[in-house]
Amino acid sequence: MEQNYDEKIKEVKSSLNKLESKKNRTNSLTRKERAAHLIQKGALLEIAGIDNVDSEILLGYFLWFKDVPEEKLEKLKARGREEFERRKIVKKW
């Protein structure tokens, strides 16, 4: 009977280890995806020539930007597309 419990405990521990390994792999991918995303956004700041602007100014601008009307966003998107084309960047951001 005691051996049966020991075997069950061993099985549960093995399952737990497998789940923890899977979780760690998932977290690793998530971190890598987040890092790639942040690098892309940083590259956009560099392209715009504002990568050295004070962080508080940038954050304030980004907070203001959230409230920009849709029609202005379309104009900004067109301007960004033109800049990408000018730089011959075909990679989709």
PDB file of N, CA and C in Angstrom:
ATOM      1  N   MET A   1       0.829  -1.197   0.000  1.00  0.00           N
ATOM      2  CA  MET A   1       0.000   0.000   0.000  1.00  0.00           C
ATOM      3  C   MET A   1       0.869   1.255   0.000  1.00  0.00           C
ATOM      4  N   GLU A   2       1.878   1.270   0.881  1.00  0.00           N
ATOM      5  CA  GLU A   2       2.775   2.428   0.974  1.00  0.00           C
ATOM      6  C   GLU A   2       3.523   2.637  -0.336  1.00  0.00           C
ATOM      7  N   GLN A   3       3.901   1.540  -0.977  1.00  0.00           N
ATOM      8  CA  GLN A   3       4.604   1.642  -2.253  1.00  0.00           C
ATOM      9  C   GLN A   3       3.696   2.271  -3.315  1.00  0.00           C
ATOM     10  N   ASN A   4       2.424   1.954  -3.259  1.00  0.00           N
ATOM     11  CA  ASN A   4       1.464   2.526  -4.192  1.00  0.00           C
ATOM     12  C   ASN A   4       1.415   4.045  -4.046  1.00  0.00           C
ATOM     13  N   TYR A   5       1.434   4.543  -2.800  1.00  0.00           N
ATOM     14  CA  TYR A   5       1.459   5.988  -2.562  1.00  0.00           C
ATOM     15  C   TYR A   5       2.748   6.599  -3.091  1.00  0.00           C
ATOM     16  N   ASP A   6       3.845   5.922  -2.848  1.00  0.00           N
ATOM     17  CA  ASP A   6       5.131   6.425  -3.329  1.00  0.00           C
ATOM     18  C   ASP A   6       5.148   6.528  -4.859  1.00  0.00           C
ATOM     19  N   GLU A   7       4.573   5.528  -5.510  1.00  0.00           N
ATOM     20  CA  GLU A   7       4.500   5.557  -6.967  1.00  0.00           C
ATOM     21  C   GLU A   7       3.619   6.708  -7.449  1.00  0.00           C
ATOM     22  N   LYS A   8       2.493   6.903  -6.785  1.00  0.00           N
ATOM     23  CA  LYS A   8       1.596   8.010  -7.146  1.00  0.00           C
ATOM     24  C   LYS A   8       2.298   9.354  -6.966  1.00  0.00           C
ATOM     25  N   ILE A   9       3.005   9.504  -5.847  1.00  0.00           N
ATOM     26  CA  ILE A   9       3.739  10.743  -5.581  1.00  0.00           C
ATOM     27  C   ILE A   9       4.776  10.966  -6.671  1.00  0.00           C
ATOM     28  N   LYS A  10       5.471   9.911  -7.047  1.00  0.00           N
ATOM     29  CA  LYS A  10       6.483  10.006  -8.096  1.00  0.00           C
ATOM     30  C   LYS A  10       5.852  10.435  -9.426  1.00  0.00           C
ATOM     31  N   GLU A  11       4.691   9.862  -9.760  1.00  0.00           N
ATOM     32  CA  GLU A  11       3.990  10.225 -10.991  1.00  0.00           C
ATOM     33  C   GLU A  11       3.554  11.692 -10.972  1.00  0.00           C
ATOM     34  N   VAL A  12       3.015  12.117  -9.833  1.00  0.00           N
ATOM     35  CA  VAL A  12       2.548  13.498  -9.713  1.00  0.00           C
ATOM     36  C   VAL A  12       3.723  14.462  -9.822  1.00  0.00           C
ATOM     37  N   LYS A  13       4.840  14.133  -9.180  1.00  0.00           N
ATOM     38  CA  LYS A  13       6.031  14.988  -9.264  1.00  0.00           C
ATOM     39  C   LYS A  13       6.537  15.065 -10.697  1.00  0.00           C
ATOM     40  N   SER A  14       6.509  13.949 -11.389  1.00  0.00           N
ATOM     41  CA  SER A  14       6.945  13.924 -12.781  1.00  0.00           C
ATOM     42  C   SER A  14       6.041  14.810 -13.642  1.00  0.00           C
ATOM     43  N   SER A  15       4.744  14.690 -13.433  1.00  0.00           N
ATOM     44  CA  SER A  15       3.792  15.533 -14.168  1.00  0.00           C
ATOM     45  C   SER A  15       4.011  17.003 -13.858  1.00  0.00           C
ATOM     46  N   LEU A  16       4.251  17.305 -12.596  1.00  0.00           N
ATOM     47  CA  LEU A  16       4.495  18.682 -12.186  1.00  0.00           C
ATOM     48  C   LEU A  16       5.751  19.227 -12.857  1.00  0.00           C
ATOM     49  N   ASN A  17       6.802  18.439 -12.894  1.00  0.00           N
ATOM     50  CA  ASN A  17       8.047  18.864 -13.547  1.00  0.00           C
ATOM     51  C   ASN A  17       7.832  19.141 -15.034  1.00  0.00           C
ATOM     52  N   LYS A  18       7.046  18.290 -15.689  1.00  0.00           N
ATOM     53  CA  LYS A  18       6.761  18.497 -17.110  1.00  0.00           C
ATOM     54  C   LYS A  18       5.988  19.795 -17.321  1.00  0.00           C
ATOM     55  N   LEU A  19       5.000  20.035 -16.454  1.00  0.00           N
ATOM     56  CA  LEU A  19       4.217  21.266 -16.571  1.00  0.00           C
ATOM     57  C   LEU A  19       5.071  22.501 -16.309  1.00  0.00           C
ATOM     58  N   GLU A  20       5.960  22.425 -15.333  1.00  0.00           N
ATOM     59  CA  GLU A  20       6.844  23.555 -15.041  1.00  0.00           C
ATOM     60  C   GLU A  20       7.783  23.825 -16.208  1.00  0.00           C
ATOM     61  N   SER A  21       8.284  22.766 -16.841  1.00  0.00           N
ATOM     62  CA  SER A  21       9.146  22.935 -18.014  1.00  0.00           C
ATOM     63  C   SER A  21       8.383  23.599 -19.153  1.00  0.00           C
ATOM     64  N   LYS A  22       7.147  23.165 -19.361  1.00  0.00           N
ATOM     65  CA  LYS A  22       6.316  23.754 -20.414  1.00  0.00           C
ATOM     66  C   LYS A  22       6.044  25.230 -20.116  1.00  0.00           C
ATOM     67  N   LYS A  23       5.768  25.540 -18.867  1.00  0.00           N
ATOM     68  CA  LYS A  23       5.523  26.927 -18.457  1.00  0.00           C
ATOM     69  C   LYS A  23       6.762  27.780 -18.708  1.00  0.00           C
ATOM     70  N   ASN A  24       7.930  27.263 -18.355  1.00  0.00           N
ATOM     71  CA  ASN A  24       9.179  28.002 -18.558  1.00  0.00           C
ATOM     72  C   ASN A  24       9.447  28.255 -20.037  1.00  0.00           C
ATOM     73  N   ARG A  25       9.170  27.273 -20.885  1.00  0.00           N
ATOM     74  CA  ARG A  25       9.348  27.462 -22.329  1.00  0.00           C
ATOM     75  C   ARG A  25       8.397  28.543 -22.841  1.00  0.00           C
ATOM     76  N   THR A  26       7.164  28.507 -22.374  1.00  0.00           N
ATOM     77  CA  THR A  26       6.172  29.513 -22.775  1.00  0.00           C
ATOM     78  C   THR A  26       6.601  30.896 -22.322  1.00  0.00           C
ATOM     79  N   ASN A  27       7.052  31.016 -21.076  1.00  0.00           N
ATOM     80  CA  ASN A  27       7.508  32.304 -20.561  1.00  0.00           C
ATOM     81  C   ASN A  27       8.711  32.810 -21.343  1.00  0.00           C
ATOM     82  N   SER A  28       9.591  31.915 -21.727  1.00  0.00           N
ATOM     83  CA  SER A  28      10.770  32.293 -22.496  1.00  0.00           C
ATOM     84  C   SER A  28      10.360  32.872 -23.849  1.00  0.00           C
ATOM     85  N   LEU A  29       9.406  32.217 -24.515  1.00  0.00           N
ATOM     86  CA  LEU A  29       8.915  32.726 -25.795  1.00  0.00           C
ATOM     87  C   LEU A  29       8.249  34.080 -25.611  1.00  0.00           C
ATOM     88  N   THR A  30       7.458  34.206 -24.560  1.00  0.00           N
ATOM     89  CA  THR A  30       6.779  35.473 -24.300  1.00  0.00           C
ATOM     90  C   THR A  30       7.795  36.585 -24.092  1.00  0.00           C
ATOM     91  N   ARG A  31       8.850  36.308 -23.344  1.00  0.00           N
ATOM     92  CA  ARG A  31       9.890  37.315 -23.117  1.00  0.00           C
ATOM     93  C   ARG A  31      10.579  37.686 -24.421  1.00  0.00           C
ATOM     94  N   LYS A  32      10.863  36.688 -25.247  1.00  0.00           N
ATOM     95  CA  LYS A  32      11.522  36.953 -26.529  1.00  0.00           C
ATOM     96  C   LYS A  32      10.626  37.774 -27.447  1.00  0.00           C
ATOM     97  N   GLU A  33       9.335  37.434 -27.479  1.00  0.00           N
ATOM     98  CA  GLU A  33       8.397  38.193 -28.307  1.00  0.00           C
ATOM     99  C   GLU A  33       8.292  39.632 -27.815  1.00  0.00           C
ATOM    100  N   ARG A  34       8.242  39.809 -26.503  1.00  0.00           N
ATOM    101  CA  ARG A  34       8.157  41.152 -25.931  1.00  0.00           C
ATOM    102  C   ARG A  34       9.423  41.945 -26.261  1.00  0.00           C
ATOM    103  N   ALA A  35      10.578  41.290 -26.140  1.00  0.00           N
ATOM    104  CA  ALA A  35      11.844  41.965 -26.439  1.00  0.00           C
ATOM    105  C   ALA A  35      11.883  42.400 -27.905  1.00  0.00           C
ATOM    106  N   ALA A  36      11.445  41.526 -28.800  1.00  0.00           N
ATOM    107  CA  ALA A  36      11.429  41.869 -30.228  1.00  0.00           C
ATOM    108  C   ALA A  36      10.488  43.047 -30.481  1.00  0.00           C
ATOM    109  N   HIS A  37       9.342  43.035 -29.824  1.00  0.00           N
ATOM    110  CA  HIS A  37       8.367  44.125 -29.963  1.00  0.00           C
ATOM    111  C   HIS A  37       8.969  45.451 -29.492  1.00  0.00           C
ATOM    112  N   LEU A  38       9.625  45.432 -28.345  1.00  0.00           N
ATOM    113  CA  LEU A  38      10.221  46.654 -27.806  1.00  0.00           C
ATOM    114  C   LEU A  38      11.364  47.161 -28.683  1.00  0.00           C
ATOM    115  N   ILE A  39      12.134  46.256 -29.242  1.00  0.00           N
ATOM    116  CA  ILE A  39      13.219  46.647 -30.147  1.00  0.00           C
ATOM    117  C   ILE A  39      12.643  47.334 -31.384  1.00  0.00           C
ATOM    118  N   GLN A  40      11.555  46.783 -31.920  1.00  0.00           N
ATOM    119  CA  GLN A  40      10.915  47.402 -33.086  1.00  0.00           C
ATOM    120  C   GLN A  40      10.428  48.812 -32.762  1.00  0.00           C
ATOM    121  N   LYS A  41       9.804  48.972 -31.599  1.00  0.00           N
ATOM    122  CA  LYS A  41       9.301  50.301 -31.223  1.00  0.00           C
ATOM    123  C   LYS A  41      10.464  51.265 -31.001  1.00  0.00           C
ATOM    124  N   GLY A  42      11.540  50.789 -30.424  1.00  0.00           N
ATOM    125  CA  GLY A  42      12.727  51.627 -30.245  1.00  0.00           C
ATOM    126  C   GLY A  42      13.312  52.049 -31.584  1.00  0.00           C
ATOM    127  N   ALA A  43      13.285  51.143 -32.552  1.00  0.00           N
ATOM    128  CA  ALA A  43      13.779  51.476 -33.890  1.00  0.00           C
ATOM    129  C   ALA A  43      12.926  52.572 -34.522  1.00  0.00           C
ATOM    130  N   LEU A  44      11.628  52.554 -34.250  1.00  0.00           N
ATOM    131  CA  LEU A  44      10.757  53.613 -34.773  1.00  0.00           C
ATOM    132  C   LEU A  44      11.127  54.964 -34.179  1.00  0.00           C
ATOM    133  N   LEU A  45      11.444  54.990 -32.889  1.00  0.00           N
ATOM    134  CA  LEU A  45      11.888  56.242 -32.265  1.00  0.00           C
ATOM    135  C   LEU A  45      13.169  56.730 -32.931  1.00  0.00           C
ATOM    136  N   GLU A  46      14.053  55.800 -33.236  1.00  0.00           N
ATOM    137  CA  GLU A  46      15.317  56.153 -33.883  1.00  0.00           C
ATOM    138  C   GLU A  46      15.078  56.691 -35.295  1.00  0.00           C
ATOM    139  N   ILE A  47      14.208  56.026 -36.050  1.00  0.00           N
ATOM    140  CA  ILE A  47      13.891  56.477 -37.407  1.00  0.00           C
ATOM    141  C   ILE A  47      13.327  57.892 -37.380  1.00  0.00           C
ATOM    142  N   ALA A  48      12.467  58.157 -36.389  1.00  0.00           N
ATOM    143  CA  ALA A  48      11.850  59.484 -36.275  1.00  0.00           C
ATOM    144  C   ALA A  48      12.825  60.524 -35.733  1.00  0.00           C
ATOM    145  N   GLY A  49      13.991  60.072 -35.269  1.00  0.00           N
ATOM    146  CA  GLY A  49      14.991  60.995 -34.740  1.00  0.00           C
ATOM    147  C   GLY A  49      14.662  61.520 -33.357  1.00  0.00           C
ATOM    148  N   ILE A  50      13.856  60.758 -32.615  1.00  0.00           N
ATOM    149  CA  ILE A  50      13.472  61.211 -31.275  1.00  0.00           C
ATOM    150  C   ILE A  50      13.891  60.222 -30.192  1.00  0.00           C
ATOM    151  N   ASP A  51      14.832  59.356 -30.518  1.00  0.00           N
ATOM    152  CA  ASP A  51      15.265  58.360 -29.542  1.00  0.00           C
ATOM    153  C   ASP A  51      16.036  58.974 -28.379  1.00  0.00           C
ATOM    154  N   ASN A  52      16.499  60.210 -28.518  1.00  0.00           N
ATOM    155  CA  ASN A  52      17.224  60.870 -27.427  1.00  0.00           C
ATOM    156  C   ASN A  52      16.377  61.904 -26.688  1.00  0.00           C
ATOM    157  N   VAL A  53      15.101  61.982 -27.018  1.00  0.00           N
ATOM    158  CA  VAL A  53      14.198  62.927 -26.356  1.00  0.00           C
ATOM    159  C   VAL A  53      13.929  62.434 -24.933  1.00  0.00           C
ATOM    160  N   ASP A  54      13.781  63.381 -24.018  1.00  0.00           N
ATOM    161  CA  ASP A  54      13.518  63.070 -22.614  1.00  0.00           C
ATOM    162  C   ASP A  54      12.326  62.107 -22.484  1.00  0.00           C
ATOM    163  N   SER A  55      12.475  61.102 -21.642  1.00  0.00           N
ATOM    164  CA  SER A  55      11.441  60.076 -21.470  1.00  0.00           C
ATOM    165  C   SER A  55      10.117  60.645 -20.984  1.00  0.00           C
ATOM    166  N   GLU A  56      10.169  61.649 -20.120  1.00  0.00           N
ATOM    167  CA  GLU A  56       8.925  62.246 -19.624  1.00  0.00           C
ATOM    168  C   GLU A  56       8.175  62.955 -20.746  1.00  0.00           C
ATOM    169  N   ILE A  57       8.914  63.589 -21.635  1.00  0.00           N
ATOM    170  CA  ILE A  57       8.284  64.250 -22.785  1.00  0.00           C
ATOM    171  C   ILE A  57       7.634  63.204 -23.687  1.00  0.00           C
ATOM    172  N   LEU A  58       8.372  62.133 -23.970  1.00  0.00           N
ATOM    173  CA  LEU A  58       7.817  61.081 -24.821  1.00  0.00           C
ATOM    174  C   LEU A  58       6.564  60.473 -24.204  1.00  0.00           C
ATOM    175  N   LEU A  59       6.616  60.164 -22.926  1.00  0.00           N
ATOM    176  CA  LEU A  59       5.449  59.571 -22.272  1.00  0.00           C
ATOM    177  C   LEU A  59       4.265  60.531 -22.328  1.00  0.00           C
ATOM    178  N   GLY A  60       4.511  61.798 -22.054  1.00  0.00           N
ATOM    179  CA  GLY A  60       3.438  62.786 -22.141  1.00  0.00           C
ATOM    180  C   GLY A  60       2.838  62.844 -23.529  1.00  0.00           C
ATOM    181  N   TYR A  61       3.704  62.799 -24.533  1.00  0.00           N
ATOM    182  CA  TYR A  61       3.217  62.811 -25.913  1.00  0.00           C
ATOM    183  C   TYR A  61       2.399  61.561 -26.207  1.00  0.00           C
ATOM    184  N   PHE A  62       2.886  60.406 -25.776  1.00  0.00           N
ATOM    185  CA  PHE A  62       2.166  59.156 -26.026  1.00  0.00           C
ATOM    186  C   PHE A  62       0.797  59.168 -25.350  1.00  0.00           C
ATOM    187  N   LEU A  63       0.729  59.727 -24.146  1.00  0.00           N
ATOM    188  CA  LEU A  63      -0.558  59.814 -23.450  1.00  0.00           C
ATOM    189  C   LEU A  63      -1.513  60.740 -24.198  1.00  0.00           C
ATOM    190  N   TRP A  64      -0.989  61.836 -24.728  1.00  0.00           N
ATOM    191  CA  TRP A  64      -1.802  62.745 -25.532  1.00  0.00           C
ATOM    192  C   TRP A  64      -2.241  62.049 -26.821  1.00  0.00           C
ATOM    193  N   PHE A  65      -1.330  61.302 -27.406  1.00  0.00           N
ATOM    194  CA  PHE A  65      -1.554  60.642 -28.691  1.00  0.00           C
ATOM    195  C   PHE A  65      -2.751  59.690 -28.643  1.00  0.00           C
ATOM    196  N   LYS A  66      -2.994  59.081 -27.479  1.00  0.00           N
ATOM    197  CA  LYS A  66      -4.118  58.146 -27.356  1.00  0.00           C
ATOM    198  C   LYS A  66      -5.450  58.803 -27.697  1.00  0.00           C
ATOM    199  N   ASP A  67      -5.526  60.126 -27.558  1.00  0.00           N
ATOM    200  CA  ASP A  67      -6.782  60.845 -27.782  1.00  0.00           C
ATOM    201  C   ASP A  67      -6.870  61.520 -29.149  1.00  0.00           C
ATOM    202  N   VAL A  68      -5.934  61.231 -30.033  1.00  0.00           N
ATOM    203  CA  VAL A  68      -5.940  61.839 -31.367  1.00  0.00           C
ATOM    204  C   VAL A  68      -7.129  61.275 -32.154  1.00  0.00           C
ATOM    205  N   PRO A  69      -7.901  62.143 -32.815  1.00  0.00           N
ATOM    206  CA  PRO A  69      -9.056  61.675 -33.596  1.00  0.00           C
ATOM    207  C   PRO A  69      -8.637  60.746 -34.742  1.00  0.00           C
ATOM    208  N   GLU A  70      -9.534  59.862 -35.104  1.00  0.00           N
ATOM    209  CA  GLU A  70      -9.272  58.839 -36.128  1.00  0.00           C
ATOM    210  C   GLU A  70      -8.813  59.441 -37.459  1.00  0.00           C
ATOM    211  N   GLU A  71      -9.420  60.553 -37.874  1.00  0.00           N
ATOM    212  CA  GLU A  71      -9.043  61.140 -39.169  1.00  0.00           C
ATOM    213  C   GLU A  71      -7.598  61.624 -39.170  1.00  0.00           C
ATOM    214  N   LYS A  72      -7.115  62.092 -38.045  1.00  0.00           N
ATOM    215  CA  LYS A  72      -5.709  62.505 -37.967  1.00  0.00           C
ATOM    216  C   LYS A  72      -4.794  61.284 -37.943  1.00  0.00           C
ATOM    217  N   LEU A  73      -5.267  60.207 -37.326  1.00  0.00           N
ATOM    218  CA  LEU A  73      -4.463  58.981 -37.298  1.00  0.00           C
ATOM    219  C   LEU A  73      -4.232  58.458 -38.710  1.00  0.00           C
ATOM    220  N   GLU A  74      -5.234  58.555 -39.555  1.00  0.00           N
ATOM    221  CA  GLU A  74      -5.088  58.105 -40.941  1.00  0.00           C
ATOM    222  C   GLU A  74      -4.018  58.918 -41.664  1.00  0.00           C
ATOM    223  N   LYS A  75      -3.977  60.218 -41.416  1.00  0.00           N
ATOM    224  CA  LYS A  75      -2.948  61.069 -42.025  1.00  0.00           C
ATOM    225  C   LYS A  75      -1.564  60.695 -41.502  1.00  0.00           C
ATOM    226  N   LEU A  76      -1.486  60.434 -40.202  1.00  0.00           N
ATOM    227  CA  LEU A  76      -0.200  60.041 -39.613  1.00  0.00           C
ATOM    228  C   LEU A  76       0.262  58.696 -40.165  1.00  0.00           C
ATOM    229  N   LYS A  77      -0.684  57.789 -40.343  1.00  0.00           N
ATOM    230  CA  LYS A  77      -0.350  56.478 -40.893  1.00  0.00           C
ATOM    231  C   LYS A  77       0.194  56.617 -42.311  1.00  0.00           C
ATOM    232  N   ALA A  78      -0.439  57.474 -43.107  1.00  0.00           N
ATOM    233  CA  ALA A  78       0.023  57.700 -44.484  1.00  0.00           C
ATOM    234  C   ALA A  78       1.430  58.292 -44.479  1.00  0.00           C
ATOM    235  N   ARG A  79       1.673  59.207 -43.575  1.00  0.00           N
ATOM    236  CA  ARG A  79       3.006  59.821 -43.481  1.00  0.00           C
ATOM    237  C   ARG A  79       4.051  58.776 -43.088  1.00  0.00           C
ATOM    238  N   GLY A  80       3.695  57.913 -42.152  1.00  0.00           N
ATOM    239  CA  GLY A  80       4.606  56.841 -41.755  1.00  0.00           C
ATOM    240  C   GLY A  80       4.879  55.877 -42.892  1.00  0.00           C
ATOM    241  N   ARG A  81       3.835  55.544 -43.628  1.00  0.00           N
ATOM    242  CA  ARG A  81       3.995  54.643 -44.773  1.00  0.00           C
ATOM    243  C   ARG A  81       4.938  55.261 -45.803  1.00  0.00           C
ATOM    244  N   GLU A  82       4.775  56.556 -46.047  1.00  0.00           N
ATOM    245  CA  GLU A  82       5.659  57.246 -46.993  1.00  0.00           C
ATOM    246  C   GLU A  82       7.112  57.190 -46.525  1.00  0.00           C
ATOM    247  N   GLU A  83       7.324  57.351 -45.230  1.00  0.00           N
ATOM    248  CA  GLU A  83       8.694  57.300 -44.705  1.00  0.00           C
ATOM    249  C   GLU A  83       9.282  55.903 -44.853  1.00  0.00           C
ATOM    250  N   PHE A  84       8.474  54.879 -44.568  1.00  0.00           N
ATOM    251  CA  PHE A  84       8.948  53.507 -44.762  1.00  0.00           C
ATOM    252  C   PHE A  84       9.318  53.278 -46.224  1.00  0.00           C
ATOM    253  N   GLU A  85       8.458  53.732 -47.121  1.00  0.00           N
ATOM    254  CA  GLU A  85       8.742  53.565 -48.549  1.00  0.00           C
ATOM    255  C   GLU A  85       9.994  54.331 -48.941  1.00  0.00           C
ATOM    256  N   ARG A  86      10.145  55.527 -48.392  1.00  0.00           N
ATOM    257  CA  ARG A  86      11.332  56.324 -48.692  1.00  0.00           C
ATOM    258  C   ARG A  86      12.585  55.586 -48.245  1.00  0.00           C
ATOM    259  N   ARG A  87      12.502  54.921 -47.144  1.00  0.00           N
ATOM    260  CA  ARG A  87      13.645  54.177 -46.612  1.00  0.00           C
ATOM    261  C   ARG A  87      13.719  52.760 -47.183  1.00  0.00           C
ATOM    262  N   LYS A  88      12.750  52.445 -48.028  1.00  0.00           N
ATOM    263  CA  LYS A  88      12.682  51.118 -48.647  1.00  0.00           C
ATOM    264  C   LYS A  88      12.619  50.009 -47.606  1.00  0.00           C
ATOM    265  N   ILE A  89      11.851  50.284 -46.570  1.00  0.00           N
ATOM    266  CA  ILE A  89      11.622  49.264 -45.549  1.00  0.00           C
ATOM    267  C   ILE A  89      10.353  48.524 -45.935  1.00  0.00           C
ATOM    268  N   VAL A  90      10.516  47.277 -46.280  1.00  0.00           N
ATOM    269  CA  VAL A  90       9.361  46.497 -46.690  1.00  0.00           C
ATOM    270  C   VAL A  90       8.876  45.582 -45.570  1.00  0.00           C
ATOM    271  N   LYS A  91       9.657  45.490 -44.541  1.00  0.00           N
ATOM    272  CA  LYS A  91       9.281  44.637 -43.418  1.00  0.00           C
ATOM    273  C   LYS A  91       8.086  45.250 -42.704  1.00  0.00           C
ATOM    274  N   LYS A  92       7.108  44.450 -42.440  1.00  0.00           N
ATOM    275  CA  LYS A  92       5.912  44.945 -41.764  1.00  0.00           C
ATOM    276  C   LYS A  92       6.189  45.091 -40.278  1.00  0.00           C
ATOM    277  N   TRP A  93       5.907  46.260 -39.761  1.00  0.00           N
ATOM    278  CA  TRP A  93       6.115  46.518 -38.338  1.00  0.00           C
ATOM    279  C   TRP A  93       4.863  46.119 -37.642  1.00  0.00           C
TER     280      TRP A  93
END
